[in-house]
Amino acid sequence: MTGDEVTIAWLDCSSGVSGDMLLGALAALDQVHPAQLTASVGVEVTVGVSRTRRGALDALAVDVQAAADQPHRRLPDVLAIVAAADVPAEVRARAGAVFRRLADAEARVHGCDPSEVEFHEVGAVGAIVDVVGVCTGLHALGIDELTVSPIALGGGQVQTMHGPLPVPGPAVLELLRGCGLSAYGGPVDRELATPTGVALLAEWAQRSGPMPAMRVTDVGVGAGSLDLDEHANVVRLVVGAPMEPGAADEWQVMAANVDDLDPRLWPVVIERLLAAGAVDAWLTPILMKKGRPAHTVHAMCATGKADGVRRVLFEETSTIGVRTTPVGKHALAREFIEVDVDGQQVRVKLASHDGELLNVAPEFDDVVRAAAALGRPVKSVLAQAAADAQDRLES
């Protein structure tokens, strides 16, 4: 997509992730041509691209094999190959950053300097092609925001140049630490997430979570090398455009059950939630275990405000857990007019749908202020403001 259009994407990593799986998904979207990467990267490899099936799903498999035995390479050697690649400068920068992440993770695992790390599995020329190819494809897509599902890591053990290692491997865990991506063990005792795949996601992804609300424009499915009986071993890359604001997107409702808070604090809690960005906040009386009376406090907010709203729930109440549910929110178009009630200005909210006026509601805070200034009952000022607004709209 070009111009002012926004492109978002979601990666389904419920079967793990690897460099060749990501490369296959991008090749399926025609964003990268793996067979052409040999010349771009400047290394001797053979690249096989084929349609295959994983479980019940059709997928594209990419197999990158070195033409001959390759030497062990340290970080400077790998970065030199990447820097010489015939790809856009941003792609070279991203690919270099991926290998720096890998070197940092291996260095923490083995207690050495990143420049001294010898790239065995991840440093083979096949992995260099995978990394440069994936970075080329993601750059070509022009994605403004990439969301990644929680990553299935697998379990059991895997044989490496260092001997048998537990799954998830130490380098994978180091790459996940602090990068903001979510992951979980299983669902099978096989290595599902490789260091190369996780490093690519750590470099490119902005968010971790379920598929965002979007208008889907394309889907690419990349096959893993394992053909598992338990589930389809694929990565799915879903590309599209975000939903219009106010439609079923990017809204959350947070809730917490509280049974031991001084009730005098609830008005403050509601006020702080609204100040933190909640568009609405409310209490529901409930009866908890052992017959204890309690309240459920709810707060609805846009996803971008979620961290601040959640923090208020933890800081201002006694809860130790907050539930979050994605929801759809559809709002009427709104505008304001002002009416004069005996010299006091009162704002009136007008709500409409497809140009048809559906609701006329004086702002209650304005009504209360006007009533106090005029020495009149609030209900009297409310009725007059609504009537004056209706008369003005009909005139």
Protein backbone atom coordinates (compact mmCIF):
# COMPACT_ATOMS: atom_id res chain seq x y z
CA MET A 1 0.00 0.00 0.00
CA THR A 2 1.15 3.52 -0.71
CA GLY A 3 0.41 7.11 0.14
CA ASP A 4 -1.50 7.80 3.34
CA GLU A 5 -2.94 4.29 3.59
CA VAL A 6 -1.93 2.36 6.69
CA THR A 7 -0.85 -1.28 6.44
CA ILE A 8 -0.94 -3.55 9.46
CA ALA A 9 -0.13 -7.24 9.73
CA TRP A 10 -0.52 -10.11 12.16
CA LEU A 11 1.67 -13.20 12.45
CA ASP A 12 0.10 -16.41 13.71
CA CYS A 13 2.92 -18.20 15.54
CA SER A 14 0.77 -20.83 17.24
CA SER A 15 2.99 -23.46 15.58
CA GLY A 16 6.24 -21.67 16.32
CA VAL A 17 8.46 -19.60 14.06
CA SER A 18 11.68 -19.95 12.09
CA GLY A 19 13.47 -18.01 9.40
CA ASP A 20 12.41 -20.34 6.61
CA MET A 21 8.76 -20.31 7.75
CA LEU A 22 8.71 -16.50 7.65
CA LEU A 23 10.47 -16.51 4.29
CA GLY A 24 7.86 -18.92 2.94
CA ALA A 25 4.96 -16.73 4.14
CA LEU A 26 6.49 -13.64 2.50
CA ALA A 27 7.25 -15.54 -0.71
CA ALA A 28 3.61 -16.67 -0.79
CA LEU A 29 2.66 -12.97 -0.73
CA ASP A 30 5.07 -12.37 -3.63
CA GLN A 31 7.04 -9.89 -1.52
CA VAL A 32 10.36 -11.70 -1.89
CA HIS A 33 11.75 -14.18 -4.41
CA PRO A 34 13.97 -16.62 -2.52
CA ALA A 35 15.72 -17.93 -5.65
CA GLN A 36 16.99 -14.42 -6.38
CA LEU A 37 18.47 -13.96 -2.91
CA THR A 38 21.63 -15.91 -3.79
CA ALA A 39 22.88 -13.11 -6.03
CA SER A 40 21.69 -10.40 -3.63
CA VAL A 41 23.50 -11.84 -0.62
CA GLY A 42 26.57 -12.94 -2.57
CA VAL A 43 26.85 -16.46 -1.14
CA GLU A 44 26.66 -19.87 -2.76
CA VAL A 45 23.43 -21.57 -1.80
CA THR A 46 20.69 -23.50 -3.49
CA VAL A 47 17.13 -22.41 -2.83
CA GLY A 48 14.16 -24.70 -3.28
CA VAL A 49 10.62 -23.29 -3.29
CA SER A 50 7.66 -25.63 -3.42
CA ARG A 51 3.99 -25.88 -2.56
CA THR A 52 3.29 -28.38 0.18
CA ARG A 53 0.73 -29.27 2.82
CA ARG A 54 1.03 -29.07 6.55
CA GLY A 55 -1.97 -30.73 8.13
CA ALA A 56 -4.98 -29.55 6.16
CA LEU A 57 -3.32 -26.30 5.02
CA ASP A 58 -1.64 -25.49 1.73
CA ALA A 59 1.66 -23.69 2.35
CA LEU A 60 4.85 -22.54 0.66
CA ALA A 61 8.06 -24.26 1.74
CA VAL A 62 11.46 -22.64 1.28
CA ASP A 63 14.59 -24.76 1.69
CA VAL A 64 17.94 -22.95 1.70
CA GLN A 65 21.02 -25.19 1.55
CA ALA A 66 24.68 -24.18 1.47
CA ALA A 67 26.58 -25.44 -1.57
CA ALA A 68 29.52 -26.62 0.55
CA ASP A 69 30.67 -26.85 4.15
CA GLN A 70 30.78 -23.43 5.69
CA PRO A 71 33.24 -22.10 8.27
CA HIS A 72 32.14 -20.95 11.67
CA ARG A 73 31.64 -17.21 11.53
CA ARG A 74 31.79 -14.60 14.25
CA LEU A 75 29.60 -11.51 14.34
CA PRO A 76 31.97 -9.25 12.34
CA ASP A 77 32.11 -11.88 9.57
CA VAL A 78 28.33 -12.13 9.35
CA LEU A 79 27.88 -8.34 9.46
CA ALA A 80 30.37 -7.97 6.61
CA ILE A 81 28.31 -10.32 4.42
CA VAL A 82 25.10 -8.46 5.31
CA ALA A 83 26.69 -5.05 4.67
CA ALA A 84 27.72 -6.16 1.16
CA ALA A 85 24.27 -7.50 0.24
CA ASP A 86 22.61 -5.94 -2.80
CA VAL A 87 19.46 -4.88 -0.97
CA PRO A 88 18.08 -1.52 0.25
CA ALA A 89 20.05 0.17 3.03
CA GLU A 90 17.18 -0.21 5.51
CA VAL A 91 17.13 -3.95 4.85
CA ARG A 92 20.87 -4.21 5.52
CA ALA A 93 20.43 -2.25 8.75
CA ARG A 94 17.56 -4.44 9.93
CA ALA A 95 19.34 -7.68 9.03
CA GLY A 96 22.46 -6.52 10.86
CA ALA A 97 20.34 -5.67 13.91
CA VAL A 98 18.85 -9.18 13.88
CA PHE A 99 22.31 -10.77 13.99
CA ARG A 100 23.40 -8.39 16.76
CA ARG A 101 20.40 -9.58 18.77
CA LEU A 102 21.44 -13.17 18.15
CA ALA A 103 25.04 -12.48 19.16
CA ASP A 104 23.98 -10.65 22.33
CA ALA A 105 21.70 -13.55 23.32
CA GLU A 106 24.39 -16.19 22.68
CA ALA A 107 26.95 -14.08 24.55
CA ARG A 108 24.70 -13.90 27.64
CA VAL A 109 24.15 -17.65 27.48
CA HIS A 110 27.85 -18.53 27.17
CA GLY A 111 29.34 -15.68 29.19
CA CYS A 112 31.47 -14.07 26.51
CA ASP A 113 31.65 -10.91 24.41
CA PRO A 114 29.19 -10.75 21.46
CA SER A 115 32.05 -10.30 18.99
CA GLU A 116 33.49 -13.64 20.13
CA VAL A 117 30.33 -15.64 19.52
CA GLU A 118 30.76 -18.25 16.82
CA PHE A 119 27.60 -18.59 14.80
CA HIS A 120 27.01 -22.27 14.27
CA GLU A 121 23.40 -22.97 13.35
CA VAL A 122 22.31 -19.34 13.17
CA GLY A 123 25.45 -18.19 11.37
CA ALA A 124 25.27 -20.64 8.47
CA VAL A 125 24.79 -19.00 5.09
CA GLY A 126 21.29 -20.45 4.93
CA ALA A 127 20.32 -18.42 7.98
CA ILE A 128 21.93 -15.31 6.48
CA VAL A 129 19.75 -15.78 3.40
CA ASP A 130 16.70 -16.30 5.64
CA VAL A 131 17.35 -13.13 7.64
CA VAL A 132 18.12 -10.92 4.65
CA GLY A 133 15.18 -12.41 2.74
CA VAL A 134 12.67 -11.87 5.56
CA CYS A 135 13.87 -8.32 6.12
CA THR A 136 13.57 -7.69 2.36
CA GLY A 137 10.00 -9.00 2.29
CA LEU A 138 8.82 -7.10 5.37
CA HIS A 139 10.40 -3.91 4.04
CA ALA A 140 8.63 -4.39 0.70
CA LEU A 141 5.26 -4.82 2.43
CA GLY A 142 5.63 -1.40 4.05
CA ILE A 143 3.99 -2.55 7.28
CA ASP A 144 3.22 0.26 9.72
CA GLU A 145 2.47 -2.09 12.61
CA LEU A 146 3.23 -5.79 13.03
CA THR A 147 1.45 -7.74 15.75
CA VAL A 148 2.63 -11.23 16.72
CA SER A 149 0.52 -13.87 18.43
CA PRO A 150 1.94 -15.62 21.51
CA ILE A 151 4.72 -17.84 20.18
CA ALA A 152 4.60 -21.62 20.63
CA LEU A 153 8.11 -22.66 21.67
CA GLY A 154 7.78 -26.44 21.86
CA GLY A 155 9.46 -28.66 24.45
CA GLY A 156 11.78 -31.59 25.00
CA GLN A 157 15.39 -31.41 23.81
CA VAL A 158 17.25 -30.49 20.63
CA GLN A 159 20.72 -31.51 19.46
CA THR A 160 23.07 -28.58 18.72
CA MET A 161 26.77 -27.91 18.18
CA HIS A 162 26.90 -27.38 21.95
CA GLY A 163 25.32 -30.77 22.61
CA PRO A 164 21.74 -31.47 23.72
CA LEU A 165 19.85 -28.41 24.95
CA PRO A 166 16.41 -28.12 26.54
CA VAL A 167 13.58 -26.56 24.53
CA PRO A 168 12.93 -23.66 24.62
CA GLY A 169 16.64 -23.11 24.09
CA PRO A 170 18.62 -20.67 26.23
CA ALA A 171 19.19 -18.28 23.30
CA VAL A 172 15.47 -18.18 22.50
CA LEU A 173 14.66 -17.29 26.11
CA GLU A 174 17.33 -14.58 26.12
CA LEU A 175 15.89 -13.11 22.92
CA LEU A 176 12.41 -13.07 24.46
CA ARG A 177 13.60 -11.40 27.64
CA GLY A 178 12.67 -7.75 27.54
CA CYS A 179 11.48 -7.64 23.91
CA GLY A 180 7.77 -7.52 24.79
CA LEU A 181 6.74 -10.66 22.89
CA SER A 182 4.61 -13.35 24.57
CA ALA A 183 5.45 -17.04 24.37
CA TYR A 184 4.49 -20.39 25.86
CA GLY A 185 5.80 -23.95 26.03
CA GLY A 186 4.42 -26.81 23.91
CA PRO A 187 2.15 -27.94 22.41
CA VAL A 188 4.60 -30.71 21.34
CA ASP A 189 8.00 -31.90 22.53
CA ARG A 190 9.86 -30.55 19.49
CA GLU A 191 11.73 -27.31 18.86
CA LEU A 192 9.11 -25.03 17.28
CA ALA A 193 10.75 -21.62 17.64
CA THR A 194 14.31 -21.11 16.46
CA PRO A 195 16.65 -18.31 17.57
CA THR A 196 16.65 -16.89 14.03
CA GLY A 197 12.85 -16.74 13.88
CA VAL A 198 12.50 -15.19 17.34
CA ALA A 199 15.25 -12.64 16.64
CA LEU A 200 13.45 -11.54 13.47
CA LEU A 201 10.21 -11.04 15.39
CA ALA A 202 11.96 -9.20 18.21
CA GLU A 203 13.41 -6.79 15.65
CA TRP A 204 10.28 -6.19 13.56
CA ALA A 205 7.22 -6.60 15.78
CA GLN A 206 5.60 -3.67 17.58
CA ARG A 207 2.99 -5.60 19.55
CA SER A 208 2.17 -9.04 20.90
CA GLY A 209 -1.41 -10.22 21.04
CA PRO A 210 -4.43 -11.53 19.16
CA MET A 211 -5.22 -10.54 15.59
CA PRO A 212 -6.24 -6.86 15.58
CA ALA A 213 -9.45 -5.72 13.95
CA MET A 214 -8.59 -5.25 10.30
CA ARG A 215 -9.81 -5.47 6.73
CA VAL A 216 -7.83 -8.46 5.48
CA THR A 217 -6.25 -7.95 2.04
CA ASP A 218 -3.87 -10.92 1.82
CA VAL A 219 -2.66 -14.03 3.67
CA GLY A 220 0.68 -15.80 3.25
CA VAL A 221 1.29 -19.27 4.71
CA GLY A 222 4.86 -20.50 5.22
CA ALA A 223 5.62 -24.14 5.98
CA GLY A 224 7.94 -25.37 8.71
CA SER A 225 10.38 -28.18 7.98
CA LEU A 226 8.57 -30.53 10.38
CA ASP A 227 5.36 -32.22 9.24
CA LEU A 228 3.66 -32.80 12.59
CA ASP A 229 0.69 -35.04 13.17
CA GLU A 230 -0.63 -32.92 16.03
CA HIS A 231 -1.17 -29.66 14.14
CA ALA A 232 -0.32 -27.79 10.95
CA ASN A 233 3.27 -26.60 11.30
CA VAL A 234 2.92 -23.22 9.56
CA VAL A 235 3.29 -19.50 10.10
CA ARG A 236 0.45 -17.36 8.74
CA LEU A 237 1.06 -13.71 7.84
CA VAL A 238 -2.21 -11.77 7.63
CA VAL A 239 -2.01 -8.34 5.97
CA GLY A 240 -4.63 -5.62 5.82
CA ALA A 241 -5.80 -2.19 6.85
CA PRO A 242 -7.00 -1.13 10.32
CA MET A 243 -10.71 -0.72 10.93
CA GLU A 244 -12.17 2.76 11.06
CA PRO A 245 -11.97 4.37 14.52
CA GLY A 246 -15.15 3.71 16.47
CA ALA A 247 -15.89 0.41 14.74
CA ALA A 248 -15.14 -2.97 16.26
CA ASP A 249 -11.48 -2.35 16.93
CA GLU A 250 -8.89 -1.37 19.50
CA TRP A 251 -11.18 -1.17 22.53
CA GLN A 252 -10.84 -3.03 25.81
CA VAL A 253 -12.91 -3.49 28.94
CA MET A 254 -10.93 -4.11 32.11
CA ALA A 255 -12.58 -5.59 35.17
CA ALA A 256 -11.57 -6.47 38.72
CA ASN A 257 -13.50 -7.90 41.67
CA VAL A 258 -12.89 -5.99 44.91
CA ASP A 259 -14.30 -6.95 48.32
CA ASP A 260 -12.10 -5.05 50.79
CA LEU A 261 -11.98 -1.42 49.67
CA ASP A 262 -13.33 1.45 51.77
CA PRO A 263 -16.48 2.42 49.79
CA ARG A 264 -15.68 6.11 50.26
CA LEU A 265 -12.82 5.61 47.80
CA TRP A 266 -14.93 4.50 44.84
CA PRO A 267 -15.74 8.01 43.54
CA VAL A 268 -12.01 8.76 43.51
CA VAL A 269 -11.27 5.50 41.69
CA ILE A 270 -13.83 6.29 38.98
CA GLU A 271 -12.48 9.83 38.61
CA ARG A 272 -8.88 8.61 38.29
CA LEU A 273 -9.85 5.97 35.72
CA LEU A 274 -11.52 8.60 33.55
CA ALA A 275 -8.54 10.92 33.94
CA ALA A 276 -6.23 8.08 32.80
CA GLY A 277 -8.10 7.73 29.52
CA ALA A 278 -11.08 5.46 30.20
CA VAL A 279 -14.09 6.52 28.15
CA ASP A 280 -16.37 4.99 30.76
CA ALA A 281 -16.00 3.45 34.23
CA TRP A 282 -18.63 1.84 36.45
CA LEU A 283 -19.31 -0.44 39.43
CA THR A 284 -21.47 -3.55 39.64
CA PRO A 285 -22.50 -4.98 43.04
CA ILE A 286 -21.71 -8.70 43.32
CA LEU A 287 -21.74 -11.47 45.92
CA MET A 288 -18.45 -13.36 46.16
CA LYS A 289 -17.46 -16.64 47.80
CA LYS A 290 -18.37 -17.12 51.45
CA GLY A 291 -21.21 -14.65 50.95
CA ARG A 292 -18.98 -11.59 50.90
CA PRO A 293 -20.55 -8.46 49.31
CA ALA A 294 -18.21 -6.85 46.78
CA HIS A 295 -18.04 -4.79 43.62
CA THR A 296 -16.74 -5.38 40.12
CA VAL A 297 -15.11 -2.24 38.81
CA HIS A 298 -15.09 -1.89 35.01
CA ALA A 299 -13.22 0.52 32.79
CA MET A 300 -13.51 0.82 29.01
CA CYS A 301 -10.66 2.37 27.09
CA ALA A 302 -8.83 2.45 23.78
CA THR A 303 -5.94 0.00 23.53
CA GLY A 304 -3.43 2.84 23.58
CA LYS A 305 -4.68 3.92 27.02
CA ALA A 306 -4.79 0.42 28.50
CA ASP A 307 -1.51 0.53 30.44
CA GLY A 308 -2.42 3.77 32.23
CA VAL A 309 -5.94 2.63 33.07
CA ARG A 310 -4.69 -0.72 34.35
CA ARG A 311 -2.14 1.05 36.52
CA VAL A 312 -4.91 3.09 38.17
CA LEU A 313 -6.83 -0.10 38.97
CA PHE A 314 -3.78 -1.53 40.70
CA GLU A 315 -2.76 1.69 42.47
CA GLU A 316 -6.15 2.97 43.60
CA THR A 317 -7.91 -0.29 44.51
CA SER A 318 -6.92 -3.37 46.48
CA THR A 319 -7.18 -5.76 43.53
CA ILE A 320 -4.26 -8.02 42.65
CA GLY A 321 -5.58 -9.05 39.23
CA VAL A 322 -7.26 -7.34 36.27
CA ARG A 323 -9.14 -9.11 33.48
CA THR A 324 -9.04 -7.63 29.97
CA THR A 325 -11.54 -8.31 27.18
CA PRO A 326 -11.33 -6.90 23.63
CA VAL A 327 -14.69 -5.39 22.65
CA GLY A 328 -16.31 -3.61 19.74
CA LYS A 329 -17.50 -0.04 20.18
CA HIS A 330 -19.86 1.72 17.80
CA ALA A 331 -20.45 5.41 18.50
CA LEU A 332 -22.91 7.88 17.04
CA ALA A 333 -21.56 11.04 15.43
CA ARG A 334 -21.64 13.86 17.99
CA GLU A 335 -21.56 17.65 18.02
CA PHE A 336 -22.41 20.40 20.51
CA ILE A 337 -24.57 23.50 20.46
CA GLU A 338 -25.12 26.06 23.24
CA VAL A 339 -28.43 27.38 24.54
CA ASP A 340 -29.09 30.33 26.83
CA VAL A 341 -31.07 29.58 30.00
CA ASP A 342 -31.83 32.91 31.67
CA GLY A 343 -28.35 34.19 30.88
CA GLN A 344 -26.50 30.93 31.65
CA GLN A 345 -24.83 29.04 28.80
CA VAL A 346 -25.57 25.30 28.68
CA ARG A 347 -23.95 22.97 26.18
CA VAL A 348 -26.22 20.42 24.50
CA LYS A 349 -24.89 17.23 22.89
CA LEU A 350 -26.42 16.15 19.59
CA ALA A 351 -25.99 12.54 18.46
CA SER A 352 -26.87 11.39 14.96
CA HIS A 353 -26.63 8.39 12.66
CA ASP A 354 -26.32 8.76 8.89
CA GLY A 355 -27.40 12.38 9.22
CA GLU A 356 -30.51 11.62 11.29
CA LEU A 357 -30.64 13.29 14.71
CA LEU A 358 -31.37 10.67 17.36
CA ASN A 359 -30.51 12.21 20.74
CA VAL A 360 -30.52 15.69 22.29
CA ALA A 361 -28.94 15.80 25.76
CA PRO A 362 -27.93 18.88 27.80
CA GLU A 363 -24.54 18.47 29.52
CA PHE A 364 -25.45 17.74 33.12
CA ASP A 365 -22.48 19.57 34.68
CA ASP A 366 -23.51 22.73 32.81
CA VAL A 367 -27.09 22.26 34.00
CA VAL A 368 -26.02 21.92 37.64
CA ARG A 369 -23.81 25.02 37.40
CA ALA A 370 -26.59 27.05 35.76
CA ALA A 371 -29.15 25.90 38.33
CA ALA A 372 -26.86 26.96 41.21
CA ALA A 373 -26.25 30.38 39.62
CA LEU A 374 -29.97 30.93 39.00
CA GLY A 375 -31.18 29.48 42.31
CA ARG A 376 -33.51 27.13 40.45
CA PRO A 377 -34.12 23.38 40.74
CA VAL A 378 -31.80 21.30 38.57
CA LYS A 379 -34.73 19.46 36.95
CA SER A 380 -36.25 22.78 35.89
CA VAL A 381 -33.07 23.98 34.18
CA LEU A 382 -32.59 20.54 32.57
CA ALA A 383 -36.07 20.60 31.06
CA GLN A 384 -35.70 24.18 29.80
CA ALA A 385 -32.30 23.50 28.21
CA ALA A 386 -33.66 20.45 26.39
CA ALA A 387 -36.75 22.36 25.21
CA ASP A 388 -34.72 25.37 24.05
CA ALA A 389 -32.35 23.10 22.14
CA GLN A 390 -35.27 21.35 20.43
CA ASP A 391 -36.86 24.67 19.50
CA ARG A 392 -33.57 25.89 18.04
CA LEU A 393 -33.12 22.75 15.97
CA GLU A 394 -36.67 22.95 14.59
CA SER A 395 -36.52 26.63 13.74
